Amino acid sequence: MLNRLRRACRFFALGALLAGAAVGWTAPAAAASAVVQSSGQTVVVPVYSHIFIGDRAAEFNLAATLSIRNIDLERNLSVISADYYDSGGRLLKKHLTAPAVLRPLASTEVFIPESDTSGGFGASFLVRWAAETAVVPPVIECLMIGTRSGQGISIVSQGRVVQEAPLRTAKPKAPAAGGN
């Protein structure tokens, strides 16, 4: 019996590897060597200030926390803006009054309380960030959570890059004045 179980496990593992190869899965070591870098992006993050539940589509309000995490291990980045838009695309609030510098592995957040339903079902954050040199892009996501009558709901939405800043390179030095 034990030998059959071992053979079944080996067969399952082999099948999983072959299935992964068929859909383009790559080993973690190969993926790590191709880390994408950027010197700035504009990112849209979906926010659900409420969802609809039950046959009568009752509203279930959710609190939202926008999380911006610098995952670069060596370089800072600056969060330039974190603007909150409603379902109609109208700007509701600019959440940063000045750029926020995030050191390596630092994070910042913006909180929208459960009672604030002004964004509607299709609200969004528009986040802009920049760095002096190319860095590993930050993780930008929104966690929405709500509880009522013992029922808890949580949703995480990932940001999507909608605009990439051109990579910054060192500027050539100007020739000295009066030189040949």
C-alpha atoms as a PDB file:
ATOM      1  CA  MET A   1       0.000   0.000   0.000  1.00  0.00           C
ATOM      2  CA  LEU A   2       2.790   2.402   0.925  1.00  0.00           C
ATOM      3  CA  ASN A   3       4.598   1.705  -2.365  1.00  0.00           C
ATOM      4  CA  ARG A   4       1.435   2.512  -4.336  1.00  0.00           C
ATOM      5  CA  LEU A   5       1.098   5.795  -2.480  1.00  0.00           C
ATOM      6  CA  ARG A   6       4.741   6.686  -3.214  1.00  0.00           C
ATOM      7  CA  ARG A   7       4.286   5.874  -6.918  1.00  0.00           C
ATOM      8  CA  ALA A   8       1.104   7.957  -7.040  1.00  0.00           C
ATOM      9  CA  CYS A   9       2.915  10.915  -5.446  1.00  0.00           C
ATOM     10  CA  ARG A  10       5.790  10.639  -7.934  1.00  0.00           C
ATOM     11  CA  PHE A  11       3.333  10.396 -10.819  1.00  0.00           C
ATOM     12  CA  PHE A  12       1.444  13.452  -9.538  1.00  0.00           C
ATOM     13  CA  ALA A  13       4.684  15.450  -9.135  1.00  0.00           C
ATOM     14  CA  LEU A  14       5.822  14.514 -12.653  1.00  0.00           C
ATOM     15  CA  GLY A  15       2.411  15.462 -14.043  1.00  0.00           C
ATOM     16  CA  ALA A  16       2.534  18.828 -12.265  1.00  0.00           C
ATOM     17  CA  LEU A  17       5.998  19.560 -13.700  1.00  0.00           C
ATOM     18  CA  LEU A  18       4.909  18.636 -17.228  1.00  0.00           C
ATOM     19  CA  ALA A  19       1.729  20.717 -16.906  1.00  0.00           C
ATOM     20  CA  GLY A  20       3.791  23.665 -15.674  1.00  0.00           C
ATOM     21  CA  ALA A  21       6.149  23.351 -18.630  1.00  0.00           C
ATOM     22  CA  ALA A  22       3.185  23.222 -21.027  1.00  0.00           C
ATOM     23  CA  VAL A  23       1.851  26.576 -19.794  1.00  0.00           C
ATOM     24  CA  GLY A  24       5.207  28.324 -19.735  1.00  0.00           C
ATOM     25  CA  TRP A  25       6.100  27.987 -16.049  1.00  0.00           C
ATOM     26  CA  THR A  26       9.748  28.753 -15.333  1.00  0.00           C
ATOM     27  CA  ALA A  27      11.867  27.799 -12.382  1.00  0.00           C
ATOM     28  CA  PRO A  28      12.185  30.462  -9.654  1.00  0.00           C
ATOM     29  CA  ALA A  29      15.946  30.825 -10.238  1.00  0.00           C
ATOM     30  CA  ALA A  30      15.388  31.673 -13.907  1.00  0.00           C
ATOM     31  CA  ALA A  31      12.590  34.103 -13.063  1.00  0.00           C
ATOM     32  CA  ALA A  32      14.698  35.871 -10.418  1.00  0.00           C
ATOM     33  CA  SER A  33      17.411  36.699 -12.948  1.00  0.00           C
ATOM     34  CA  ALA A  34      14.968  38.752 -15.037  1.00  0.00           C
ATOM     35  CA  VAL A  35      13.721  41.254 -12.428  1.00  0.00           C
ATOM     36  CA  VAL A  36      11.937  44.118 -14.161  1.00  0.00           C
ATOM     37  CA  GLN A  37      12.955  47.620 -13.109  1.00  0.00           C
ATOM     38  CA  SER A  38      11.447  51.050 -13.647  1.00  0.00           C
ATOM     39  CA  SER A  39      12.138  54.664 -12.720  1.00  0.00           C
ATOM     40  CA  GLY A  40       8.455  55.509 -12.324  1.00  0.00           C
ATOM     41  CA  GLN A  41       4.921  54.452 -13.130  1.00  0.00           C
ATOM     42  CA  THR A  42       1.278  55.444 -12.959  1.00  0.00           C
ATOM     43  CA  VAL A  43      -0.781  52.650 -11.424  1.00  0.00           C
ATOM     44  CA  VAL A  44      -4.570  52.218 -11.166  1.00  0.00           C
ATOM     45  CA  VAL A  45      -5.857  50.225  -8.194  1.00  0.00           C
ATOM     46  CA  PRO A  46      -9.526  49.108  -8.102  1.00  0.00           C
ATOM     47  CA  VAL A  47     -11.394  49.885  -4.858  1.00  0.00           C
ATOM     48  CA  TYR A  48     -14.751  48.494  -3.782  1.00  0.00           C
ATOM     49  CA  SER A  49     -16.285  50.766  -1.133  1.00  0.00           C
ATOM     50  CA  HIS A  50     -19.203  48.340  -1.114  1.00  0.00           C
ATOM     51  CA  ILE A  51     -20.319  45.147  -2.798  1.00  0.00           C
ATOM     52  CA  PHE A  52     -23.768  43.704  -3.406  1.00  0.00           C
ATOM     53  CA  ILE A  53     -24.932  40.563  -1.604  1.00  0.00           C
ATOM     54  CA  GLY A  54     -28.008  38.356  -1.595  1.00  0.00           C
ATOM     55  CA  ASP A  55     -30.933  38.116  -3.992  1.00  0.00           C
ATOM     56  CA  ARG A  56     -31.954  41.705  -3.283  1.00  0.00           C
ATOM     57  CA  ALA A  57     -28.470  43.109  -3.997  1.00  0.00           C
ATOM     58  CA  ALA A  58     -28.134  44.597  -0.526  1.00  0.00           C
ATOM     59  CA  GLU A  59     -25.085  46.827  -0.117  1.00  0.00           C
ATOM     60  CA  PHE A  60     -22.280  45.524   2.110  1.00  0.00           C
ATOM     61  CA  ASN A  61     -19.904  48.391   2.995  1.00  0.00           C
ATOM     62  CA  LEU A  62     -16.155  47.770   3.049  1.00  0.00           C
ATOM     63  CA  ALA A  63     -13.225  49.655   4.548  1.00  0.00           C
ATOM     64  CA  ALA A  64     -10.307  50.020   2.133  1.00  0.00           C
ATOM     65  CA  THR A  65      -6.579  50.252   2.773  1.00  0.00           C
ATOM     66  CA  LEU A  66      -4.301  51.198  -0.109  1.00  0.00           C
ATOM     67  CA  SER A  67      -0.851  49.711   0.514  1.00  0.00           C
ATOM     68  CA  ILE A  68       2.285  50.861  -1.303  1.00  0.00           C
ATOM     69  CA  ARG A  69       5.408  48.811  -0.528  1.00  0.00           C
ATOM     70  CA  ASN A  70       8.918  49.542  -1.736  1.00  0.00           C
ATOM     71  CA  ILE A  71      10.315  46.067  -2.378  1.00  0.00           C
ATOM     72  CA  ASP A  72      13.655  47.262  -3.758  1.00  0.00           C
ATOM     73  CA  LEU A  73      16.344  46.091  -1.355  1.00  0.00           C
ATOM     74  CA  GLU A  74      18.754  48.986  -1.949  1.00  0.00           C
ATOM     75  CA  ARG A  75      17.081  52.116  -3.344  1.00  0.00           C
ATOM     76  CA  ASN A  76      14.464  54.647  -2.259  1.00  0.00           C
ATOM     77  CA  LEU A  77      11.432  55.636  -4.288  1.00  0.00           C
ATOM     78  CA  SER A  78       8.983  58.514  -3.951  1.00  0.00           C
ATOM     79  CA  VAL A  79       5.205  58.185  -3.988  1.00  0.00           C
ATOM     80  CA  ILE A  80       4.206  61.377  -5.822  1.00  0.00           C
ATOM     81  CA  SER A  81       0.432  61.049  -5.545  1.00  0.00           C
ATOM     82  CA  ALA A  82      -2.346  58.757  -4.341  1.00  0.00           C
ATOM     83  CA  ASP A  83      -5.594  60.176  -5.697  1.00  0.00           C
ATOM     84  CA  TYR A  84      -9.020  58.649  -4.986  1.00  0.00           C
ATOM     85  CA  TYR A  85     -11.633  58.612  -7.788  1.00  0.00           C
ATOM     86  CA  ASP A  86     -15.308  57.608  -7.721  1.00  0.00           C
ATOM     87  CA  SER A  87     -17.148  55.239 -10.067  1.00  0.00           C
ATOM     88  CA  GLY A  88     -17.764  58.083 -12.508  1.00  0.00           C
ATOM     89  CA  GLY A  89     -14.061  58.972 -12.747  1.00  0.00           C
ATOM     90  CA  ARG A  90     -14.427  62.160 -10.652  1.00  0.00           C
ATOM     91  CA  LEU A  91     -11.536  63.016  -8.318  1.00  0.00           C
ATOM     92  CA  LEU A  92     -12.728  62.757  -4.708  1.00  0.00           C
ATOM     93  CA  LYS A  93      -9.538  63.394  -2.755  1.00  0.00           C
ATOM     94  CA  LYS A  94      -5.809  63.841  -3.181  1.00  0.00           C
ATOM     95  CA  HIS A  95      -4.339  61.886  -0.275  1.00  0.00           C
ATOM     96  CA  LEU A  96      -0.774  63.203  -0.423  1.00  0.00           C
ATOM     97  CA  THR A  97       0.143  66.859   0.026  1.00  0.00           C
ATOM     98  CA  ALA A  98       3.837  66.193  -0.681  1.00  0.00           C
ATOM     99  CA  PRO A  99       5.770  63.227  -2.090  1.00  0.00           C
ATOM    100  CA  ALA A 100       6.392  60.419   0.411  1.00  0.00           C
ATOM    101  CA  VAL A 101       9.873  58.894   0.273  1.00  0.00           C
ATOM    102  CA  LEU A 102       9.926  55.146   0.902  1.00  0.00           C
ATOM    103  CA  ARG A 103      13.245  53.653   1.947  1.00  0.00           C
ATOM    104  CA  PRO A 104      14.029  50.040   0.964  1.00  0.00           C
ATOM    105  CA  LEU A 105      11.329  47.688   2.300  1.00  0.00           C
ATOM    106  CA  ALA A 106       9.292  50.591   3.720  1.00  0.00           C
ATOM    107  CA  SER A 107       5.586  51.049   3.084  1.00  0.00           C
ATOM    108  CA  THR A 108       2.830  53.599   3.364  1.00  0.00           C
ATOM    109  CA  GLU A 109      -0.938  53.348   3.346  1.00  0.00           C
ATOM    110  CA  VAL A 110      -4.122  55.298   2.773  1.00  0.00           C
ATOM    111  CA  PHE A 111      -7.266  54.304   4.678  1.00  0.00           C
ATOM    112  CA  ILE A 112     -10.857  54.779   3.497  1.00  0.00           C
ATOM    113  CA  PRO A 113     -13.318  54.019   6.332  1.00  0.00           C
ATOM    114  CA  GLU A 114     -16.225  51.631   5.896  1.00  0.00           C
ATOM    115  CA  SER A 115     -18.671  54.520   6.377  1.00  0.00           C
ATOM    116  CA  ASP A 116     -17.241  56.384   3.335  1.00  0.00           C
ATOM    117  CA  THR A 117     -19.190  55.041   0.353  1.00  0.00           C
ATOM    118  CA  SER A 118     -18.553  58.108  -1.825  1.00  0.00           C
ATOM    119  CA  GLY A 119     -16.352  56.106  -4.214  1.00  0.00           C
ATOM    120  CA  GLY A 120     -19.074  53.649  -5.103  1.00  0.00           C
ATOM    121  CA  PHE A 121     -18.668  50.156  -6.468  1.00  0.00           C
ATOM    122  CA  GLY A 122     -16.153  51.175  -9.150  1.00  0.00           C
ATOM    123  CA  ALA A 123     -13.837  53.532  -7.236  1.00  0.00           C
ATOM    124  CA  SER A 124     -10.095  53.661  -7.970  1.00  0.00           C
ATOM    125  CA  PHE A 125      -6.828  54.976  -6.658  1.00  0.00           C
ATOM    126  CA  LEU A 126      -4.456  56.501  -9.173  1.00  0.00           C
ATOM    127  CA  VAL A 127      -0.918  56.196  -7.761  1.00  0.00           C
ATOM    128  CA  ARG A 128       2.145  57.858  -9.263  1.00  0.00           C
ATOM    129  CA  TRP A 129       5.644  57.028  -8.101  1.00  0.00           C
ATOM    130  CA  ALA A 130       9.183  57.844  -9.274  1.00  0.00           C
ATOM    131  CA  ALA A 131      12.798  57.036  -8.427  1.00  0.00           C
ATOM    132  CA  GLU A 132      16.137  58.663  -9.181  1.00  0.00           C
ATOM    133  CA  THR A 133      17.347  55.479 -10.883  1.00  0.00           C
ATOM    134  CA  ALA A 134      15.654  52.296 -12.006  1.00  0.00           C
ATOM    135  CA  VAL A 135      14.282  50.267  -9.081  1.00  0.00           C
ATOM    136  CA  VAL A 136      12.175  47.158  -8.587  1.00  0.00           C
ATOM    137  CA  PRO A 137       8.606  48.545  -8.895  1.00  0.00           C
ATOM    138  CA  PRO A 138       6.646  48.715  -5.646  1.00  0.00           C
ATOM    139  CA  VAL A 139       3.811  46.366  -4.742  1.00  0.00           C
ATOM    140  CA  ILE A 140       0.637  48.475  -4.877  1.00  0.00           C
ATOM    141  CA  GLU A 141      -2.618  46.873  -3.810  1.00  0.00           C
ATOM    142  CA  CYS A 142      -5.808  47.597  -1.946  1.00  0.00           C
ATOM    143  CA  LEU A 143      -7.246  45.472   0.840  1.00  0.00           C
ATOM    144  CA  MET A 144     -10.980  45.855   1.414  1.00  0.00           C
ATOM    145  CA  ILE A 145     -12.637  44.311   4.454  1.00  0.00           C
ATOM    146  CA  GLY A 146     -16.013  44.454   6.148  1.00  0.00           C
ATOM    147  CA  THR A 147     -17.951  42.602   8.825  1.00  0.00           C
ATOM    148  CA  ARG A 148     -21.641  42.460   9.642  1.00  0.00           C
ATOM    149  CA  SER A 149     -23.668  40.035  11.770  1.00  0.00           C
ATOM    150  CA  GLY A 150     -20.772  37.629  12.092  1.00  0.00           C
ATOM    151  CA  GLN A 151     -20.117  37.663   8.332  1.00  0.00           C
ATOM    152  CA  GLY A 152     -16.691  38.845   7.199  1.00  0.00           C
ATOM    153  CA  ILE A 153     -15.620  39.671   3.669  1.00  0.00           C
ATOM    154  CA  SER A 154     -12.152  40.578   2.442  1.00  0.00           C
ATOM    155  CA  ILE A 155     -10.937  41.373  -1.063  1.00  0.00           C
ATOM    156  CA  VAL A 156      -7.477  42.268  -2.348  1.00  0.00           C
ATOM    157  CA  SER A 157      -7.075  44.066  -5.670  1.00  0.00           C
ATOM    158  CA  GLN A 158      -3.754  44.464  -7.450  1.00  0.00           C
ATOM    159  CA  GLY A 159      -2.667  47.694  -9.086  1.00  0.00           C
ATOM    160  CA  ARG A 160      -2.201  47.746 -12.860  1.00  0.00           C
ATOM    161  CA  VAL A 161       0.422  49.872 -14.579  1.00  0.00           C
ATOM    162  CA  VAL A 162      -1.214  52.242 -17.070  1.00  0.00           C
ATOM    163  CA  GLN A 163       1.804  54.406 -17.825  1.00  0.00           C
ATOM    164  CA  GLU A 164       5.530  53.779 -17.629  1.00  0.00           C
ATOM    165  CA  ALA A 165       8.009  56.617 -17.059  1.00  0.00           C
ATOM    166  CA  PRO A 166      10.994  56.631 -19.401  1.00  0.00           C
ATOM    167  CA  LEU A 167      14.061  55.035 -17.811  1.00  0.00           C
ATOM    168  CA  ARG A 168      16.376  57.688 -16.451  1.00  0.00           C
ATOM    169  CA  THR A 169      20.005  57.523 -17.429  1.00  0.00           C
ATOM    170  CA  ALA A 170      23.005  59.627 -16.437  1.00  0.00           C
ATOM    171  CA  LYS A 171      23.116  62.924 -18.313  1.00  0.00           C
ATOM    172  CA  PRO A 172      26.268  63.596 -20.318  1.00  0.00           C
ATOM    173  CA  LYS A 173      28.412  66.368 -18.858  1.00  0.00           C
ATOM    174  CA  ALA A 174      28.501  69.643 -20.770  1.00  0.00           C
ATOM    175  CA  PRO A 175      31.933  70.609 -22.158  1.00  0.00           C
ATOM    176  CA  ALA A 176      33.839  73.117 -20.039  1.00  0.00           C
ATOM    177  CA  ALA A 177      33.435  76.746 -21.092  1.00  0.00           C
ATOM    178  CA  GLY A 178      36.237  78.033 -23.310  1.00  0.00           C
ATOM    179  CA  GLY A 179      37.610  74.543 -23.949  1.00  0.00           C
ATOM    180  CA  ASN A 180      38.505  73.219 -27.406  1.00  0.00           C
END
